[in-house]
Amino acid sequence: MASKIKILIVRSLAGGFRRAGIAFTNEAKRLEADALSEEQIKAIHAEPNLAVQEVEEDAPAKDSTPAKDSTPAKDSTPAKDSTPAKDSTPAKDSTPAKAAK
């Protein structure tokens, strides 16, 4: 049987708002009750500018096998540039200068 965790779904009724050290907006924010102190939970529930809903959900399954990263490993050797190096000296104009009249 999966264990349950308590989740607080909280949103601000007054735009951007802070309570119990947490910033709330009108977007619902999901907070695990185990991650909050009793004082924080009480302050959130007591605040009239916050809409709070408590739900219980199944705790995520704890997998003893570490997740495998499918991202290919990067080679630490810098790539060689096949572009020939440019000379930093300005090019000389080979056309003869026109004489001033």
PDB file of N, CA and C in Angstrom:
ATOM      1  N   MET A   1       0.843  -1.187   0.000  1.00  0.00           N
ATOM      2  CA  MET A   1       0.000   0.000   0.000  1.00  0.00           C
ATOM      3  C   MET A   1       0.884   1.246   0.000  1.00  0.00           C
ATOM      4  N   ALA A   2       0.569   2.176  -0.870  1.00  0.00           N
ATOM      5  CA  ALA A   2       1.353   3.406  -0.984  1.00  0.00           C
ATOM      6  C   ALA A   2       1.034   4.335   0.183  1.00  0.00           C
ATOM      7  N   SER A   3       2.064   5.001   0.673  1.00  0.00           N
ATOM      8  CA  SER A   3       1.823   5.955   1.756  1.00  0.00           C
ATOM      9  C   SER A   3       1.271   7.250   1.170  1.00  0.00           C
ATOM     10  N   LYS A   4       0.596   8.013   2.003  1.00  0.00           N
ATOM     11  CA  LYS A   4      -0.043   9.260   1.577  1.00  0.00           C
ATOM     12  C   LYS A   4       0.761  10.446   2.102  1.00  0.00           C
ATOM     13  N   ILE A   5       0.737  11.527   1.352  1.00  0.00           N
ATOM     14  CA  ILE A   5       1.332  12.784   1.805  1.00  0.00           C
ATOM     15  C   ILE A   5       0.259  13.867   1.740  1.00  0.00           C
ATOM     16  N   LYS A   6       0.347  14.807   2.668  1.00  0.00           N
ATOM     17  CA  LYS A   6      -0.603  15.912   2.689  1.00  0.00           C
ATOM     18  C   LYS A   6      -0.027  17.072   1.884  1.00  0.00           C
ATOM     19  N   ILE A   7      -0.840  17.588   0.980  1.00  0.00           N
ATOM     20  CA  ILE A   7      -0.459  18.707   0.112  1.00  0.00           C
ATOM     21  C   ILE A   7      -1.385  19.876   0.410  1.00  0.00           C
ATOM     22  N   LEU A   8      -0.785  21.058   0.551  1.00  0.00           N
ATOM     23  CA  LEU A   8      -1.565  22.290   0.663  1.00  0.00           C
ATOM     24  C   LEU A   8      -1.536  22.955  -0.710  1.00  0.00           C
ATOM     25  N   ILE A   9      -2.709  23.259  -1.234  1.00  0.00           N
ATOM     26  CA  ILE A   9      -2.806  24.001  -2.495  1.00  0.00           C
ATOM     27  C   ILE A   9      -3.256  25.403  -2.103  1.00  0.00           C
ATOM     28  N   VAL A  10      -2.366  26.369  -2.334  1.00  0.00           N
ATOM     29  CA  VAL A  10      -2.580  27.721  -1.817  1.00  0.00           C
ATOM     30  C   VAL A  10      -2.464  28.731  -2.948  1.00  0.00           C
ATOM     31  N   ARG A  11      -3.374  29.703  -2.950  1.00  0.00           N
ATOM     32  CA  ARG A  11      -3.265  30.821  -3.892  1.00  0.00           C
ATOM     33  C   ARG A  11      -3.682  32.090  -3.177  1.00  0.00           C
ATOM     34  N   SER A  12      -3.128  33.196  -3.624  1.00  0.00           N
ATOM     35  CA  SER A  12      -3.427  34.491  -3.032  1.00  0.00           C
ATOM     36  C   SER A  12      -4.712  35.056  -3.619  1.00  0.00           C
ATOM     37  N   LEU A  13      -5.504  35.676  -2.754  1.00  0.00           N
ATOM     38  CA  LEU A  13      -6.699  36.375  -3.201  1.00  0.00           C
ATOM     39  C   LEU A  13      -6.410  37.858  -3.410  1.00  0.00           C
ATOM     40  N   ALA A  14      -5.182  38.283  -3.078  1.00  0.00           N
ATOM     41  CA  ALA A  14      -4.811  39.701  -3.131  1.00  0.00           C
ATOM     42  C   ALA A  14      -3.575  39.926  -3.997  1.00  0.00           C
ATOM     43  N   GLY A  15      -3.482  39.262  -5.140  1.00  0.00           N
ATOM     44  CA  GLY A  15      -2.309  39.422  -6.004  1.00  0.00           C
ATOM     45  C   GLY A  15      -1.079  38.820  -5.346  1.00  0.00           C
ATOM     46  N   GLY A  16       0.084  39.446  -5.541  1.00  0.00           N
ATOM     47  CA  GLY A  16       1.306  38.974  -4.910  1.00  0.00           C
ATOM     48  C   GLY A  16       1.239  39.165  -3.401  1.00  0.00           C
ATOM     49  N   PHE A  17       1.578  38.118  -2.665  1.00  0.00           N
ATOM     50  CA  PHE A  17       1.391  38.161  -1.217  1.00  0.00           C
ATOM     51  C   PHE A  17       2.358  37.190  -0.562  1.00  0.00           C
ATOM     52  N   ARG A  18       2.925  37.574   0.588  1.00  0.00           N
ATOM     53  CA  ARG A  18       3.843  36.700   1.331  1.00  0.00           C
ATOM     54  C   ARG A  18       3.252  36.370   2.692  1.00  0.00           C
ATOM     55  N   ARG A  19       3.380  35.105   3.066  1.00  0.00           N
ATOM     56  CA  ARG A  19       2.985  34.669   4.399  1.00  0.00           C
ATOM     57  C   ARG A  19       3.837  33.451   4.738  1.00  0.00           C
ATOM     58  N   ALA A  20       4.276  33.387   5.980  1.00  0.00           N
ATOM     59  CA  ALA A  20       5.069  32.256   6.480  1.00  0.00           C
ATOM     60  C   ALA A  20       6.358  32.066   5.681  1.00  0.00           C
ATOM     61  N   GLY A  21       6.907  33.176   5.176  1.00  0.00           N
ATOM     62  CA  GLY A  21       8.161  33.114   4.430  1.00  0.00           C
ATOM     63  C   GLY A  21       8.024  32.595   3.016  1.00  0.00           C
ATOM     64  N   ILE A  22       6.800  32.525   2.502  1.00  0.00           N
ATOM     65  CA  ILE A  22       6.555  31.977   1.165  1.00  0.00           C
ATOM     66  C   ILE A  22       5.786  33.013   0.348  1.00  0.00           C
ATOM     67  N   ALA A  23       6.193  33.211  -0.893  1.00  0.00           N
ATOM     68  CA  ALA A  23       5.502  34.137  -1.789  1.00  0.00           C
ATOM     69  C   ALA A  23       4.367  33.400  -2.490  1.00  0.00           C
ATOM     70  N   PHE A  24       3.188  34.027  -2.505  1.00  0.00           N
ATOM     71  CA  PHE A  24       2.019  33.464  -3.170  1.00  0.00           C
ATOM     72  C   PHE A  24       1.517  34.449  -4.219  1.00  0.00           C
ATOM     73  N   THR A  25       0.936  33.911  -5.284  1.00  0.00           N
ATOM     74  CA  THR A  25       0.303  34.714  -6.328  1.00  0.00           C
ATOM     75  C   THR A  25      -1.102  34.154  -6.539  1.00  0.00           C
ATOM     76  N   ASN A  26      -1.780  34.647  -7.575  1.00  0.00           N
ATOM     77  CA  ASN A  26      -3.104  34.094  -7.853  1.00  0.00           C
ATOM     78  C   ASN A  26      -3.027  32.721  -8.522  1.00  0.00           C
ATOM     79  N   GLU A  27      -1.823  32.278  -8.869  1.00  0.00           N
ATOM     80  CA  GLU A  27      -1.603  30.924  -9.387  1.00  0.00           C
ATOM     81  C   GLU A  27      -1.499  29.965  -8.207  1.00  0.00           C
ATOM     82  N   ALA A  28      -2.154  28.832  -8.267  1.00  0.00           N
ATOM     83  CA  ALA A  28      -2.115  27.848  -7.180  1.00  0.00           C
ATOM     84  C   ALA A  28      -0.692  27.325  -6.989  1.00  0.00           C
ATOM     85  N   LYS A  29      -0.275  27.267  -5.735  1.00  0.00           N
ATOM     86  CA  LYS A  29       1.043  26.746  -5.375  1.00  0.00           C
ATOM     87  C   LYS A  29       0.833  25.499  -4.534  1.00  0.00           C
ATOM     88  N   ARG A  30       1.524  24.416  -4.896  1.00  0.00           N
ATOM     89  CA  ARG A  30       1.417  23.151  -4.170  1.00  0.00           C
ATOM     90  C   ARG A  30       2.577  23.039  -3.189  1.00  0.00           C
ATOM     91  N   LEU A  31       2.239  22.826  -1.925  1.00  0.00           N
ATOM     92  CA  LEU A  31       3.249  22.714  -0.874  1.00  0.00           C
ATOM     93  C   LEU A  31       3.054  21.411  -0.118  1.00  0.00           C
ATOM     94  N   GLU A  32       4.121  20.648   0.057  1.00  0.00           N
ATOM     95  CA  GLU A  32       4.040  19.448   0.879  1.00  0.00           C
ATOM     96  C   GLU A  32       4.019  19.878   2.338  1.00  0.00           C
ATOM     97  N   ALA A  33       3.024  19.415   3.074  1.00  0.00           N
ATOM     98  CA  ALA A  33       2.893  19.804   4.475  1.00  0.00           C
ATOM     99  C   ALA A  33       4.104  19.369   5.286  1.00  0.00           C
ATOM    100  N   ASP A  34       4.712  18.248   4.939  1.00  0.00           N
ATOM    101  CA  ASP A  34       5.900  17.769   5.676  1.00  0.00           C
ATOM    102  C   ASP A  34       7.077  18.728   5.542  1.00  0.00           C
ATOM    103  N   ALA A  35       7.094  19.546   4.503  1.00  0.00           N
ATOM    104  CA  ALA A  35       8.195  20.492   4.287  1.00  0.00           C
ATOM    105  C   ALA A  35       7.978  21.802   5.039  1.00  0.00           C
ATOM    106  N   LEU A  36       6.804  21.947   5.694  1.00  0.00           N
ATOM    107  CA  LEU A  36       6.474  23.178   6.419  1.00  0.00           C
ATOM    108  C   LEU A  36       6.441  22.905   7.917  1.00  0.00           C
ATOM    109  N   SER A  37       6.725  23.952   8.691  1.00  0.00           N
ATOM    110  CA  SER A  37       6.603  23.836  10.145  1.00  0.00           C
ATOM    111  C   SER A  37       5.125  23.993  10.527  1.00  0.00           C
ATOM    112  N   GLU A  38       4.787  23.589  11.748  1.00  0.00           N
ATOM    113  CA  GLU A  38       3.420  23.766  12.240  1.00  0.00           C
ATOM    114  C   GLU A  38       3.032  25.248  12.243  1.00  0.00           C
ATOM    115  N   GLU A  39       3.996  26.121  12.592  1.00  0.00           N
ATOM    116  CA  GLU A  39       3.733  27.557  12.618  1.00  0.00           C
ATOM    117  C   GLU A  39       3.400  28.074  11.221  1.00  0.00           C
ATOM    118  N   GLN A  40       4.126  27.605  10.212  1.00  0.00           N
ATOM    119  CA  GLN A  40       3.847  28.029   8.838  1.00  0.00           C
ATOM    120  C   GLN A  40       2.456  27.569   8.399  1.00  0.00           C
ATOM    121  N   ILE A  41       2.115  26.330   8.702  1.00  0.00           N
ATOM    122  CA  ILE A  41       0.804  25.798   8.320  1.00  0.00           C
ATOM    123  C   ILE A  41      -0.304  26.600   9.000  1.00  0.00           C
ATOM    124  N   LYS A  42      -0.144  26.900  10.285  1.00  0.00           N
ATOM    125  CA  LYS A  42      -1.150  27.689  11.011  1.00  0.00           C
ATOM    126  C   LYS A  42      -1.277  29.092  10.426  1.00  0.00           C
ATOM    127  N   ALA A  43      -0.143  29.727  10.107  1.00  0.00           N
ATOM    128  CA  ALA A  43      -0.163  31.084   9.554  1.00  0.00           C
ATOM    129  C   ALA A  43      -0.838  31.109   8.184  1.00  0.00           C
ATOM    130  N   ILE A  44      -0.587  30.093   7.370  1.00  0.00           N
ATOM    131  CA  ILE A  44      -1.201  30.021   6.035  1.00  0.00           C
ATOM    132  C   ILE A  44      -2.711  29.839   6.162  1.00  0.00           C
ATOM    133  N   HIS A  45      -3.138  28.928   7.050  1.00  0.00           N
ATOM    134  CA  HIS A  45      -4.579  28.695   7.229  1.00  0.00           C
ATOM    135  C   HIS A  45      -5.279  29.917   7.835  1.00  0.00           C
ATOM    136  N   ALA A  46      -4.596  30.657   8.709  1.00  0.00           N
ATOM    137  CA  ALA A  46      -5.219  31.802   9.390  1.00  0.00           C
ATOM    138  C   ALA A  46      -5.305  33.049   8.521  1.00  0.00           C
ATOM    139  N   GLU A  47      -4.558  33.084   7.414  1.00  0.00           N
ATOM    140  CA  GLU A  47      -4.508  34.292   6.576  1.00  0.00           C
ATOM    141  C   GLU A  47      -5.753  34.399   5.689  1.00  0.00           C
ATOM    142  N   PRO A  48      -6.565  35.450   5.862  1.00  0.00           N
ATOM    143  CA  PRO A  48      -7.780  35.588   5.053  1.00  0.00           C
ATOM    144  C   PRO A  48      -7.503  35.913   3.580  1.00  0.00           C
ATOM    145  N   ASN A  49      -6.296  36.377   3.250  1.00  0.00           N
ATOM    146  CA  ASN A  49      -5.968  36.692   1.854  1.00  0.00           C
ATOM    147  C   ASN A  49      -5.476  35.480   1.068  1.00  0.00           C
ATOM    148  N   LEU A  50      -5.505  34.301   1.705  1.00  0.00           N
ATOM    149  CA  LEU A  50      -5.071  33.085   1.021  1.00  0.00           C
ATOM    150  C   LEU A  50      -6.223  32.090   0.953  1.00  0.00           C
ATOM    151  N   ALA A  51      -6.398  31.463  -0.197  1.00  0.00           N
ATOM    152  CA  ALA A  51      -7.333  30.355  -0.358  1.00  0.00           C
ATOM    153  C   ALA A  51      -6.519  29.072  -0.215  1.00  0.00           C
ATOM    154  N   VAL A  52      -6.895  28.227   0.754  1.00  0.00           N
ATOM    155  CA  VAL A  52      -6.116  27.031   1.067  1.00  0.00           C
ATOM    156  C   VAL A  52      -7.003  25.801   0.919  1.00  0.00           C
ATOM    157  N   GLN A  53      -6.469  24.807   0.231  1.00  0.00           N
ATOM    158  CA  GLN A  53      -7.145  23.526   0.105  1.00  0.00           C
ATOM    159  C   GLN A  53      -6.138  22.449   0.485  1.00  0.00           C
ATOM    160  N   GLU A  54      -6.546  21.495   1.336  1.00  0.00           N
ATOM    161  CA  GLU A  54      -5.679  20.380   1.708  1.00  0.00           C
ATOM    162  C   GLU A  54      -6.146  19.132   0.989  1.00  0.00           C
ATOM    163  N   VAL A  55      -5.182  18.419   0.404  1.00  0.00           N
ATOM    164  CA  VAL A  55      -5.483  17.150  -0.259  1.00  0.00           C
ATOM    165  C   VAL A  55      -4.445  16.123   0.167  1.00  0.00           C
ATOM    166  N   GLU A  56      -4.805  14.854   0.077  1.00  0.00           N
ATOM    167  CA  GLU A  56      -3.852  13.773   0.318  1.00  0.00           C
ATOM    168  C   GLU A  56      -3.598  13.073  -0.998  1.00  0.00           C
ATOM    169  N   GLU A  57      -2.336  12.803  -1.261  1.00  0.00           N
ATOM    170  CA  GLU A  57      -1.954  12.128  -2.492  1.00  0.00           C
ATOM    171  C   GLU A  57      -1.024  10.982  -2.161  1.00  0.00           C
ATOM    172  N   ASP A  58      -0.921  10.043  -3.085  1.00  0.00           N
ATOM    173  CA  ASP A  58       0.033   8.959  -2.914  1.00  0.00           C
ATOM    174  C   ASP A  58       1.442   9.533  -2.973  1.00  0.00           C
ATOM    175  N   ALA A  59       2.284   9.086  -2.050  1.00  0.00           N
ATOM    176  CA  ALA A  59       3.681   9.527  -2.056  1.00  0.00           C
ATOM    177  C   ALA A  59       4.357   8.942  -3.290  1.00  0.00           C
ATOM    178  N   PRO A  60       5.300   9.669  -3.870  1.00  0.00           N
ATOM    179  CA  PRO A  60       6.010   9.128  -5.032  1.00  0.00           C
ATOM    180  C   PRO A  60       6.747   7.851  -4.632  1.00  0.00           C
ATOM    181  N   ALA A  61       6.766   6.902  -5.543  1.00  0.00           N
ATOM    182  CA  ALA A  61       7.461   5.646  -5.283  1.00  0.00           C
ATOM    183  C   ALA A  61       8.951   5.914  -5.159  1.00  0.00           C
ATOM    184  N   LYS A  62       9.545   5.307  -4.144  1.00  0.00           N
ATOM    185  CA  LYS A  62      10.989   5.455  -3.962  1.00  0.00           C
ATOM    186  C   LYS A  62      11.675   4.332  -4.709  1.00  0.00           C
ATOM    187  N   ASP A  63      12.425   4.701  -5.719  1.00  0.00           N
ATOM    188  CA  ASP A  63      13.129   3.723  -6.541  1.00  0.00           C
ATOM    189  C   ASP A  63      14.546   3.609  -6.015  1.00  0.00           C
ATOM    190  N   SER A  64      14.973   2.407  -5.705  1.00  0.00           N
ATOM    191  CA  SER A  64      16.322   2.223  -5.173  1.00  0.00           C
ATOM    192  C   SER A  64      17.378   2.285  -6.265  1.00  0.00           C
ATOM    193  N   THR A  65      16.959   2.179  -7.531  1.00  0.00           N
ATOM    194  CA  THR A  65      17.895   2.266  -8.635  1.00  0.00           C
ATOM    195  C   THR A  65      18.000   3.710  -9.090  1.00  0.00           C
ATOM    196  N   PRO A  66      19.224   4.261  -9.141  1.00  0.00           N
ATOM    197  CA  PRO A  66      19.335   5.652  -9.600  1.00  0.00           C
ATOM    198  C   PRO A  66      18.876   5.786 -11.047  1.00  0.00           C
ATOM    199  N   ALA A  67      18.271   6.907 -11.341  1.00  0.00           N
ATOM    200  CA  ALA A  67      17.806   7.166 -12.708  1.00  0.00           C
ATOM    201  C   ALA A  67      18.999   7.253 -13.640  1.00  0.00           C
ATOM    202  N   LYS A  68      18.850   6.657 -14.790  1.00  0.00           N
ATOM    203  CA  LYS A  68      19.930   6.672 -15.767  1.00  0.00           C
ATOM    204  C   LYS A  68      19.793   7.911 -16.630  1.00  0.00           C
ATOM    205  N   ASP A  69      20.891   8.618 -16.794  1.00  0.00           N
ATOM    206  CA  ASP A  69      20.888   9.818 -17.613  1.00  0.00           C
ATOM    207  C   ASP A  69      21.097   9.402 -19.061  1.00  0.00           C
ATOM    208  N   SER A  70      20.160   9.746 -19.925  1.00  0.00           N
ATOM    209  CA  SER A  70      20.274   9.360 -21.328  1.00  0.00           C
ATOM    210  C   SER A  70      21.025  10.392 -22.154  1.00  0.00           C
ATOM    211  N   THR A  71      21.488  11.462 -21.516  1.00  0.00           N
ATOM    212  CA  THR A  71      22.236  12.490 -22.231  1.00  0.00           C
ATOM    213  C   THR A  71      23.627  11.960 -22.552  1.00  0.00           C
ATOM    214  N   PRO A  72      24.047  12.020 -23.807  1.00  0.00           N
ATOM    215  CA  PRO A  72      25.389  11.529 -24.128  1.00  0.00           C
ATOM    216  C   PRO A  72      26.457  12.365 -23.430  1.00  0.00           C
ATOM    217  N   ALA A  73      27.519  11.702 -23.022  1.00  0.00           N
ATOM    218  CA  ALA A  73      28.620  12.396 -22.347  1.00  0.00           C
ATOM    219  C   ALA A  73      29.304  13.328 -23.330  1.00  0.00           C
ATOM    220  N   LYS A  74      29.708  14.483 -22.830  1.00  0.00           N
ATOM    221  CA  LYS A  74      30.400  15.459 -23.681  1.00  0.00           C
ATOM    222  C   LYS A  74      31.895  15.209 -23.598  1.00  0.00           C
ATOM    223  N   ASP A  75      32.551  15.327 -24.728  1.00  0.00           N
ATOM    224  CA  ASP A  75      33.994  15.192 -24.782  1.00  0.00           C
ATOM    225  C   ASP A  75      34.598  16.488 -24.268  1.00  0.00           C
ATOM    226  N   SER A  76      35.537  16.374 -23.346  1.00  0.00           N
ATOM    227  CA  SER A  76      36.122  17.574 -22.765  1.00  0.00           C
ATOM    228  C   SER A  76      37.207  18.176 -23.656  1.00  0.00           C
ATOM    229  N   THR A  77      37.573  17.482 -24.733  1.00  0.00           N
ATOM    230  CA  THR A  77      38.580  18.010 -25.647  1.00  0.00           C
ATOM    231  C   THR A  77      37.946  19.073 -26.517  1.00  0.00           C
ATOM    232  N   PRO A  78      38.546  20.279 -26.589  1.00  0.00           N
ATOM    233  CA  PRO A  78      37.945  21.314 -27.430  1.00  0.00           C
ATOM    234  C   PRO A  78      37.976  20.909 -28.900  1.00  0.00           C
ATOM    235  N   ALA A  79      36.962  21.275 -29.619  1.00  0.00           N
ATOM    236  CA  ALA A  79      36.882  20.965 -31.047  1.00  0.00           C
ATOM    237  C   ALA A  79      37.907  21.784 -31.806  1.00  0.00           C
ATOM    238  N   LYS A  80      38.499  21.164 -32.821  1.00  0.00           N
ATOM    239  CA  LYS A  80      39.482  21.881 -33.630  1.00  0.00           C
ATOM    240  C   LYS A  80      38.747  22.619 -34.728  1.00  0.00           C
ATOM    241  N   ASP A  81      39.142  23.852 -34.924  1.00  0.00           N
ATOM    242  CA  ASP A  81      38.530  24.685 -35.949  1.00  0.00           C
ATOM    243  C   ASP A  81      39.295  24.469 -37.246  1.00  0.00           C
ATOM    244  N   SER A  82      38.596  24.079 -38.305  1.00  0.00           N
ATOM    245  CA  SER A  82      39.264  23.839 -39.580  1.00  0.00           C
ATOM    246  C   SER A  82      39.427  25.116 -40.398  1.00  0.00           C
ATOM    247  N   THR A  83      38.923  26.236 -39.894  1.00  0.00           N
ATOM    248  CA  THR A  83      39.047  27.508 -40.591  1.00  0.00           C
ATOM    249  C   THR A  83      40.471  28.025 -40.426  1.00  0.00           C
ATOM    250  N   PRO A  84      41.122  28.399 -41.523  1.00  0.00           N
ATOM    251  CA  PRO A  84      42.487  28.913 -41.382  1.00  0.00           C
ATOM    252  C   PRO A  84      42.500  30.210 -40.564  1.00  0.00           C
ATOM    253  N   ALA A  85      43.583  30.408 -39.827  1.00  0.00           N
ATOM    254  CA  ALA A  85      43.718  31.608 -38.997  1.00  0.00           C
ATOM    255  C   ALA A  85      43.788  32.839 -39.888  1.00  0.00           C
ATOM    256  N   LYS A  86      43.176  33.919 -39.429  1.00  0.00           N
ATOM    257  CA  LYS A  86      43.188  35.167 -40.189  1.00  0.00           C
ATOM    258  C   LYS A  86      44.333  36.023 -39.681  1.00  0.00           C
ATOM    259  N   ASP A  87      44.981  36.690 -40.616  1.00  0.00           N
ATOM    260  CA  ASP A  87      46.063  37.606 -40.275  1.00  0.00           C
ATOM    261  C   ASP A  87      45.434  38.888 -39.745  1.00  0.00           C
ATOM    262  N   SER A  88      45.940  39.396 -38.652  1.00  0.00           N
ATOM    263  CA  SER A  88      45.347  40.588 -38.055  1.00  0.00           C
ATOM    264  C   SER A  88      45.827  41.884 -38.700  1.00  0.00           C
ATOM    265  N   THR A  89      46.803  41.806 -39.608  1.00  0.00           N
ATOM    266  CA  THR A  89      47.276  43.034 -40.263  1.00  0.00           C
ATOM    267  C   THR A  89      46.332  43.380 -41.404  1.00  0.00           C
ATOM    268  N   PRO A  90      46.052  44.676 -41.583  1.00  0.00           N
ATOM    269  CA  PRO A  90      45.118  45.057 -42.658  1.00  0.00           C
ATOM    270  C   PRO A  90      45.705  44.730 -44.023  1.00  0.00           C
ATOM    271  N   ALA A  91      44.837  44.366 -44.942  1.00  0.00           N
ATOM    272  CA  ALA A  91      45.268  44.034 -46.305  1.00  0.00           C
ATOM    273  C   ALA A  91      45.708  45.311 -47.020  1.00  0.00           C
ATOM    274  N   LYS A  92      46.747  45.166 -47.824  1.00  0.00           N
ATOM    275  CA  LYS A  92      47.236  46.311 -48.600  1.00  0.00           C
ATOM    276  C   LYS A  92      46.491  46.346 -49.927  1.00  0.00           C
ATOM    277  N   ASP A  93      46.124  47.541 -50.327  1.00  0.00           N
ATOM    278  CA  ASP A  93      45.440  47.718 -51.598  1.00  0.00           C
ATOM    279  C   ASP A  93      46.489  47.720 -52.689  1.00  0.00           C
ATOM    280  N   SER A  94      46.338  46.822 -53.658  1.00  0.00           N
ATOM    281  CA  SER A  94      47.353  46.717 -54.730  1.00  0.00           C
ATOM    282  C   SER A  94      47.068  47.645 -55.899  1.00  0.00           C
ATOM    283  N   THR A  95      45.931  48.344 -55.883  1.00  0.00           N
ATOM    284  CA  THR A  95      45.648  49.268 -56.966  1.00  0.00           C
ATOM    285  C   THR A  95      46.395  50.581 -56.746  1.00  0.00           C
ATOM    286  N   PRO A  96      46.943  51.155 -57.819  1.00  0.00           N
ATOM    287  CA  PRO A  96      47.693  52.410 -57.626  1.00  0.00           C
ATOM    288  C   PRO A  96      46.759  53.553 -57.206  1.00  0.00           C
ATOM    289  N   ALA A  97      47.259  54.389 -56.375  1.00  0.00           N
ATOM    290  CA  ALA A  97      46.473  55.537 -55.901  1.00  0.00           C
ATOM    291  C   ALA A  97      46.318  56.541 -57.031  1.00  0.00           C
ATOM    292  N   LYS A  98      45.166  57.187 -57.095  1.00  0.00           N
ATOM    293  CA  LYS A  98      44.932  58.223 -58.102  1.00  0.00           C
ATOM    294  C   LYS A  98      45.568  59.517 -57.626  1.00  0.00           C
ATOM    295  N   ALA A  99      46.145  60.198 -58.547  1.00  0.00           N
ATOM    296  CA  ALA A  99      46.771  61.465 -58.208  1.00  0.00           C
ATOM    297  C   ALA A  99      45.732  62.525 -58.048  1.00  0.00           C
ATOM    298  N   ALA A 100      45.926  63.366 -57.072  1.00  0.00           N
ATOM    299  CA  ALA A 100      44.976  64.467 -56.834  1.00  0.00           C
ATOM    300  C   ALA A 100      45.175  65.529 -57.872  1.00  0.00           C
ATOM    301  N   LYS A 101      44.158  66.180 -58.384  1.00  0.00           N
ATOM    302  CA  LYS A 101      44.256  67.202 -59.407  1.00  0.00           C
ATOM    303  C   LYS A 101      44.314  68.549 -58.794  1.00  0.00           C
TER     304      LYS A 101
END
